[in-house]
């Protein structure tokens, strides 16, 4: 009980402090008390942490959309930790649980319980996903365990580096404001992309494609596509669906730093769109997850 209370207090600080810092930063911006170094740090660390989540935590770790070189794997996991969204193991387990029960009972952050709950309220409730249940394969991965156990080191680095480069204003913009921005983009995938937008595929949930989140979230906003084909390394399935994370993965594949990149063929998309899919071959959570009910991993 005490540990749960401490966790909620930590969550409150992580949510409120970046928000207050962002209000202060807006006041400085209004007074033109901002320099280009501050803005560059904000953009650079948002890209680093954001891609760490979208490529590292999400597509690489959780859905195994490609096989990375060990150095690439380490960099993406460390970068994902810098987003301050929790250790890699906990993040992956929670997301796998979301896919297992998407928009049904057991989903950690479904808008069924309200938009605010899906966006951030769920973090203050008891919705923990046990990695030993949802991602046992990752629990046995030494690198993932190491990055997860040293999570706070990467968080500190994500604040210390902007401070070392830009001083207190560097810490403000490249640290706290960046955390606020990255968090709310990620949380918008849970809330906005299960409430607003268009559906190309009739999935068993409320997932939707929302182009604004797609742009700001480096491709994560093409969420209906993702729920239709969870393992796909590319969430943007059409040329007009800009997916920065997908382009980065493609580039890394071209230079030999990732392999076995999973793609969805036009035939697979047509088959799904015509509602002829009756099996669940696109399920991509670990095969050793025995405790999850069958036919729920979509």
Foldseek 3Di string as FASTA:
>chain_A
DVVLVVQLVVLCCLQVVLVVLVVVVVVCVVVVVDDPLLVVLLVVLLVQQLLLCLVQLAQCPQQVLWAFAVVVNLSSLLSVLLLVPAASLQSSQLVQQCLLAPLHPLNLAACVVPLVSLLRVSSSDPNTGDSVQFPVVLVPPVSSVVCRVCSVVSNVVQQVVLCVVPNPSSSSRNNSNSSNLSSRLVSCQRRVQLPDADAQFPAPGSGHADQVSCVSSQHSSLPNQCSLQVNAQHSPPDPVRGHRSSVVVVVCVVVPRIDPRDHDDPVNSVCRSVVVDDDPVRQRTDPPNPPRDPPRND
